[in-house]
N, C-alpha and C. Protein backbone atom coordinates (compact mmCIF):
# COMPACT_ATOMS: atom_id res chain seq x y z
N MET A 1 0.84 -1.18 0.00
CA MET A 1 0.00 0.00 0.00
C MET A 1 0.88 1.24 0.00
N GLU A 2 0.44 2.26 -0.64
CA GLU A 2 1.21 3.50 -0.75
C GLU A 2 1.47 4.10 0.63
N ASN A 3 2.68 4.60 0.80
CA ASN A 3 3.06 5.18 2.09
C ASN A 3 2.71 6.66 2.16
N GLN A 4 1.43 6.97 2.08
CA GLN A 4 0.98 8.35 2.22
C GLN A 4 1.13 8.74 3.68
N LYS A 5 1.64 9.94 3.91
CA LYS A 5 1.87 10.37 5.29
C LYS A 5 0.64 11.08 5.84
N LYS A 6 0.30 10.71 7.05
CA LYS A 6 -0.82 11.32 7.75
C LYS A 6 -0.36 11.69 9.15
N HIS A 7 -0.75 12.82 9.62
CA HIS A 7 -0.48 13.19 11.01
C HIS A 7 -1.72 12.83 11.81
N ALA A 8 -1.56 11.89 12.74
CA ALA A 8 -2.68 11.43 13.54
C ALA A 8 -2.69 12.08 14.91
N ASP A 9 -1.74 12.93 15.19
CA ASP A 9 -1.54 13.61 16.47
C ASP A 9 -1.99 12.75 17.64
N ASN A 10 -2.65 13.33 18.61
CA ASN A 10 -2.93 12.56 19.81
C ASN A 10 -4.17 11.67 19.73
N ARG A 11 -4.78 11.53 18.56
CA ARG A 11 -5.89 10.58 18.41
C ARG A 11 -5.39 9.16 18.62
N LEU A 12 -4.17 8.89 18.21
CA LEU A 12 -3.60 7.56 18.43
C LEU A 12 -3.47 7.26 19.92
N LYS A 13 -3.08 8.27 20.68
CA LYS A 13 -2.96 8.10 22.13
C LYS A 13 -4.32 7.81 22.76
N ALA A 14 -5.34 8.50 22.28
CA ALA A 14 -6.69 8.27 22.80
C ALA A 14 -7.14 6.84 22.52
N TRP A 15 -6.84 6.33 21.33
CA TRP A 15 -7.20 4.95 21.00
C TRP A 15 -6.45 3.97 21.89
N ARG A 16 -5.16 4.22 22.11
CA ARG A 16 -4.37 3.33 22.95
C ARG A 16 -4.93 3.28 24.36
N LYS A 17 -5.23 4.45 24.90
CA LYS A 17 -5.78 4.51 26.26
C LYS A 17 -7.16 3.87 26.33
N ARG A 18 -7.94 4.07 25.30
CA ARG A 18 -9.28 3.47 25.27
C ARG A 18 -9.18 1.94 25.31
N ARG A 19 -8.12 1.40 24.74
CA ARG A 19 -7.90 -0.05 24.73
C ARG A 19 -7.20 -0.53 25.99
N GLY A 20 -6.87 0.40 26.89
CA GLY A 20 -6.27 0.03 28.16
C GLY A 20 -4.82 -0.41 28.07
N LEU A 21 -4.11 0.10 27.08
CA LEU A 21 -2.71 -0.30 26.88
C LEU A 21 -1.76 0.81 27.31
N THR A 22 -0.66 0.42 27.91
CA THR A 22 0.40 1.38 28.20
C THR A 22 1.14 1.66 26.89
N LEU A 23 1.91 2.72 26.89
CA LEU A 23 2.72 3.06 25.71
C LEU A 23 3.66 1.90 25.38
N GLU A 24 4.29 1.35 26.40
CA GLU A 24 5.24 0.27 26.20
C GLU A 24 4.57 -0.99 25.65
N ALA A 25 3.40 -1.33 26.21
CA ALA A 25 2.69 -2.54 25.76
C ALA A 25 2.22 -2.40 24.32
N ALA A 26 1.66 -1.25 23.99
CA ALA A 26 1.19 -1.04 22.62
C ALA A 26 2.35 -1.05 21.64
N ALA A 27 3.46 -0.42 22.02
CA ALA A 27 4.63 -0.39 21.14
C ALA A 27 5.15 -1.80 20.90
N GLU A 28 5.20 -2.60 21.94
CA GLU A 28 5.68 -3.98 21.79
C GLU A 28 4.76 -4.78 20.88
N LEU A 29 3.45 -4.66 21.07
CA LEU A 29 2.50 -5.37 20.22
C LEU A 29 2.62 -4.96 18.75
N ALA A 30 2.93 -3.68 18.54
CA ALA A 30 3.04 -3.16 17.18
C ALA A 30 4.41 -3.40 16.56
N GLY A 31 5.38 -3.76 17.38
CA GLY A 31 6.74 -3.93 16.87
C GLY A 31 7.49 -2.62 16.74
N PHE A 32 7.09 -1.62 17.52
CA PHE A 32 7.74 -0.31 17.52
C PHE A 32 8.49 -0.13 18.82
N THR A 33 9.35 0.87 18.87
CA THR A 33 9.90 1.29 20.16
C THR A 33 8.88 2.22 20.80
N SER A 34 8.94 2.33 22.11
CA SER A 34 8.01 3.24 22.79
C SER A 34 8.31 4.69 22.41
N VAL A 35 9.56 4.99 22.11
CA VAL A 35 9.92 6.35 21.68
C VAL A 35 9.23 6.68 20.35
N SER A 36 9.27 5.73 19.41
CA SER A 36 8.61 5.96 18.11
C SER A 36 7.12 6.14 18.27
N LEU A 37 6.48 5.25 19.05
CA LEU A 37 5.04 5.35 19.23
C LEU A 37 4.69 6.68 19.90
N ASN A 38 5.47 7.09 20.88
CA ASN A 38 5.24 8.37 21.54
C ASN A 38 5.31 9.52 20.53
N ARG A 39 6.24 9.46 19.61
CA ARG A 39 6.37 10.52 18.60
C ARG A 39 5.17 10.52 17.65
N TYR A 40 4.68 9.35 17.28
CA TYR A 40 3.48 9.28 16.44
C TYR A 40 2.28 9.87 17.19
N GLU A 41 2.15 9.48 18.45
CA GLU A 41 1.00 9.93 19.25
C GLU A 41 1.00 11.44 19.47
N ASN A 42 2.18 12.02 19.56
CA ASN A 42 2.27 13.46 19.82
C ASN A 42 2.36 14.30 18.55
N GLY A 43 2.29 13.63 17.39
CA GLY A 43 2.33 14.36 16.12
C GLY A 43 3.72 14.85 15.75
N ASN A 44 4.75 14.32 16.42
CA ASN A 44 6.12 14.74 16.14
C ASN A 44 6.75 13.95 15.00
N ARG A 45 6.04 12.92 14.54
CA ARG A 45 6.54 12.11 13.43
C ARG A 45 5.33 11.77 12.56
N PRO A 46 5.44 11.93 11.24
CA PRO A 46 4.31 11.59 10.37
C PRO A 46 4.02 10.09 10.41
N VAL A 47 2.75 9.76 10.31
CA VAL A 47 2.30 8.37 10.37
C VAL A 47 1.94 7.91 8.96
N THR A 48 2.57 6.84 8.52
CA THR A 48 2.28 6.30 7.19
C THR A 48 1.05 5.39 7.26
N ILE A 49 0.53 5.06 6.11
CA ILE A 49 -0.60 4.13 6.04
C ILE A 49 -0.20 2.78 6.64
N ASP A 50 1.01 2.33 6.38
CA ASP A 50 1.47 1.05 6.95
C ASP A 50 1.45 1.08 8.47
N ILE A 51 1.86 2.18 9.05
CA ILE A 51 1.86 2.31 10.51
C ILE A 51 0.43 2.33 11.02
N LEU A 52 -0.45 3.05 10.32
CA LEU A 52 -1.87 3.05 10.72
C LEU A 52 -2.46 1.65 10.68
N GLU A 53 -2.12 0.88 9.66
CA GLU A 53 -2.64 -0.49 9.55
C GLU A 53 -2.14 -1.35 10.71
N THR A 54 -0.89 -1.19 11.06
CA THR A 54 -0.33 -1.96 12.18
C THR A 54 -1.02 -1.59 13.49
N LEU A 55 -1.16 -0.29 13.75
CA LEU A 55 -1.82 0.14 14.98
C LEU A 55 -3.29 -0.24 14.99
N ALA A 56 -3.94 -0.21 13.85
CA ALA A 56 -5.34 -0.61 13.78
C ALA A 56 -5.51 -2.06 14.22
N LYS A 57 -4.59 -2.92 13.82
CA LYS A 57 -4.64 -4.33 14.26
C LYS A 57 -4.46 -4.43 15.76
N VAL A 58 -3.50 -3.68 16.30
CA VAL A 58 -3.24 -3.71 17.74
C VAL A 58 -4.46 -3.21 18.52
N TYR A 59 -5.11 -2.16 18.01
CA TYR A 59 -6.23 -1.54 18.71
C TYR A 59 -7.59 -2.12 18.29
N ASP A 60 -7.54 -3.13 17.43
CA ASP A 60 -8.75 -3.82 16.97
C ASP A 60 -9.75 -2.84 16.37
N THR A 61 -9.28 -2.07 15.39
CA THR A 61 -10.13 -1.11 14.71
C THR A 61 -9.63 -0.98 13.27
N THR A 62 -10.03 0.05 12.58
CA THR A 62 -9.61 0.27 11.20
C THR A 62 -8.68 1.48 11.14
N PRO A 63 -7.84 1.55 10.09
CA PRO A 63 -6.99 2.74 9.95
C PRO A 63 -7.82 4.03 9.88
N ALA A 64 -8.94 3.98 9.18
CA ALA A 64 -9.79 5.18 9.08
C ALA A 64 -10.30 5.61 10.45
N ALA A 65 -10.67 4.64 11.28
CA ALA A 65 -11.17 4.98 12.62
C ALA A 65 -10.09 5.64 13.46
N LEU A 66 -8.84 5.24 13.26
CA LEU A 66 -7.75 5.86 14.02
C LEU A 66 -7.60 7.34 13.72
N LEU A 67 -8.01 7.74 12.53
CA LEU A 67 -7.88 9.16 12.15
C LEU A 67 -9.07 10.00 12.61
N ASN A 68 -10.11 9.34 13.10
CA ASN A 68 -11.28 10.05 13.59
C ASN A 68 -11.17 10.27 15.08
N GLU A 69 -11.91 11.23 15.57
CA GLU A 69 -11.90 11.52 17.00
C GLU A 69 -12.47 10.34 17.78
N VAL A 70 -11.87 10.08 18.93
CA VAL A 70 -12.39 9.06 19.83
C VAL A 70 -13.33 9.75 20.79
N THR A 71 -14.48 9.20 20.95
CA THR A 71 -15.45 9.79 21.86
C THR A 71 -15.97 8.72 22.81
N ASP A 72 -16.15 9.11 24.03
CA ASP A 72 -16.71 8.19 25.01
C ASP A 72 -18.21 8.40 25.19
N GLU A 73 -18.78 9.29 24.38
CA GLU A 73 -20.21 9.52 24.47
C GLU A 73 -20.98 8.31 23.96
N LEU A 74 -22.10 8.06 24.60
CA LEU A 74 -22.94 6.93 24.19
C LEU A 74 -23.81 7.32 23.01
N SER A 75 -24.05 6.34 22.15
CA SER A 75 -25.00 6.57 21.06
C SER A 75 -26.40 6.54 21.65
N SER A 76 -27.38 6.95 20.88
CA SER A 76 -28.76 6.94 21.38
C SER A 76 -29.21 5.51 21.69
N GLU A 77 -28.77 4.55 20.89
CA GLU A 77 -29.13 3.15 21.16
C GLU A 77 -28.48 2.65 22.45
N GLU A 78 -27.22 3.03 22.68
CA GLU A 78 -26.54 2.63 23.91
C GLU A 78 -27.21 3.26 25.13
N ARG A 79 -27.62 4.53 25.01
CA ARG A 79 -28.33 5.19 26.12
C ARG A 79 -29.65 4.49 26.41
N LEU A 80 -30.37 4.10 25.37
CA LEU A 80 -31.64 3.40 25.54
C LEU A 80 -31.43 2.09 26.30
N ILE A 81 -30.43 1.33 25.90
CA ILE A 81 -30.14 0.04 26.56
C ILE A 81 -29.77 0.27 28.02
N LEU A 82 -28.91 1.24 28.27
CA LEU A 82 -28.49 1.53 29.63
C LEU A 82 -29.66 1.98 30.50
N ASN A 83 -30.51 2.84 29.96
CA ASN A 83 -31.68 3.30 30.71
C ASN A 83 -32.64 2.15 31.02
N ARG A 84 -32.84 1.27 30.05
CA ARG A 84 -33.71 0.11 30.30
C ARG A 84 -33.13 -0.78 31.40
N LEU A 85 -31.82 -0.95 31.37
CA LEU A 85 -31.18 -1.77 32.39
C LEU A 85 -31.30 -1.11 33.76
N ARG A 86 -31.18 0.20 33.82
CA ARG A 86 -31.34 0.91 35.09
C ARG A 86 -32.77 0.80 35.62
N GLN A 87 -33.74 0.79 34.71
CA GLN A 87 -35.14 0.66 35.12
C GLN A 87 -35.47 -0.75 35.59
N ASN A 88 -34.71 -1.72 35.11
CA ASN A 88 -34.97 -3.12 35.45
C ASN A 88 -33.65 -3.82 35.78
N PRO A 89 -33.07 -3.54 36.96
CA PRO A 89 -31.77 -4.10 37.31
C PRO A 89 -31.77 -5.63 37.38
N SER A 90 -32.93 -6.23 37.57
CA SER A 90 -32.97 -7.70 37.63
C SER A 90 -32.64 -8.33 36.27
N ALA A 91 -32.63 -7.53 35.22
CA ALA A 91 -32.30 -8.04 33.89
C ALA A 91 -30.78 -8.15 33.67
N ALA A 92 -30.00 -7.63 34.61
CA ALA A 92 -28.54 -7.63 34.46
C ALA A 92 -27.96 -9.03 34.26
N PRO A 93 -28.37 -10.05 35.05
CA PRO A 93 -27.81 -11.38 34.81
C PRO A 93 -28.12 -11.93 33.41
N MET A 94 -29.32 -11.64 32.92
CA MET A 94 -29.69 -12.10 31.59
C MET A 94 -28.82 -11.40 30.53
N LEU A 95 -28.61 -10.10 30.70
CA LEU A 95 -27.77 -9.35 29.77
C LEU A 95 -26.34 -9.87 29.83
N ARG A 96 -25.83 -10.17 31.01
CA ARG A 96 -24.48 -10.70 31.16
C ARG A 96 -24.36 -12.03 30.42
N ALA A 97 -25.38 -12.89 30.52
CA ALA A 97 -25.36 -14.18 29.83
C ALA A 97 -25.34 -13.98 28.32
N ILE A 98 -26.10 -13.03 27.83
CA ILE A 98 -26.11 -12.74 26.38
C ILE A 98 -24.74 -12.25 25.94
N LEU A 99 -24.13 -11.35 26.70
CA LEU A 99 -22.81 -10.83 26.36
C LEU A 99 -21.76 -11.94 26.40
N ASP A 100 -21.85 -12.85 27.37
CA ASP A 100 -20.91 -13.97 27.44
C ASP A 100 -21.06 -14.87 26.22
N GLU A 101 -22.29 -15.13 25.79
CA GLU A 101 -22.53 -15.95 24.60
C GLU A 101 -21.98 -15.27 23.35
N LEU A 102 -22.18 -13.97 23.26
CA LEU A 102 -21.67 -13.22 22.12
C LEU A 102 -20.14 -13.26 22.08
N THR A 103 -19.52 -13.10 23.23
CA THR A 103 -18.06 -13.17 23.30
C THR A 103 -17.56 -14.54 22.88
N ALA A 104 -18.20 -15.59 23.36
CA ALA A 104 -17.80 -16.95 22.99
C ALA A 104 -17.97 -17.17 21.49
N TYR A 105 -19.07 -16.68 20.93
CA TYR A 105 -19.32 -16.81 19.49
C TYR A 105 -18.24 -16.11 18.69
N GLU A 106 -17.87 -14.88 19.10
CA GLU A 106 -16.84 -14.12 18.40
C GLU A 106 -15.49 -14.81 18.48
N GLU A 107 -15.18 -15.43 19.62
CA GLU A 107 -13.91 -16.15 19.76
C GLU A 107 -13.86 -17.35 18.83
N VAL A 108 -14.96 -18.10 18.76
CA VAL A 108 -15.02 -19.27 17.87
C VAL A 108 -14.90 -18.82 16.41
N LYS A 109 -15.61 -17.76 16.07
CA LYS A 109 -15.59 -17.25 14.71
C LYS A 109 -14.20 -16.78 14.30
N SER A 110 -13.46 -16.18 15.25
CA SER A 110 -12.12 -15.68 14.92
C SER A 110 -11.13 -16.82 14.70
N LEU A 111 -11.44 -18.00 15.18
CA LEU A 111 -10.56 -19.16 15.00
C LEU A 111 -10.76 -19.83 13.63
N GLN A 112 -11.85 -19.51 12.98
CA GLN A 112 -12.16 -20.15 11.70
C GLN A 112 -11.41 -19.53 10.56
């Protein structure tokens, strides 16, 4: 893929933190030094498409998503689900079971 340069400034840092990774852990997973990753995150070094693809794999997202703002705001659908759960806390175990099944399904699917 063409090595077009993109400055991702601190959006990369937001993605890393959102995934719960330290600078060192993310750099190791990506095959970078922590100094290099820090420079990418702070906009001190241009980020190529290849680097975006590598980081997207580490952060389990797409290169395009890495260039967009990270937001912790809930979507309207997420707010609706959360509000329903708050109105009916006894549904929490059922929701947990559904999420566990979904996680197991995704793990099996990723092995195929």
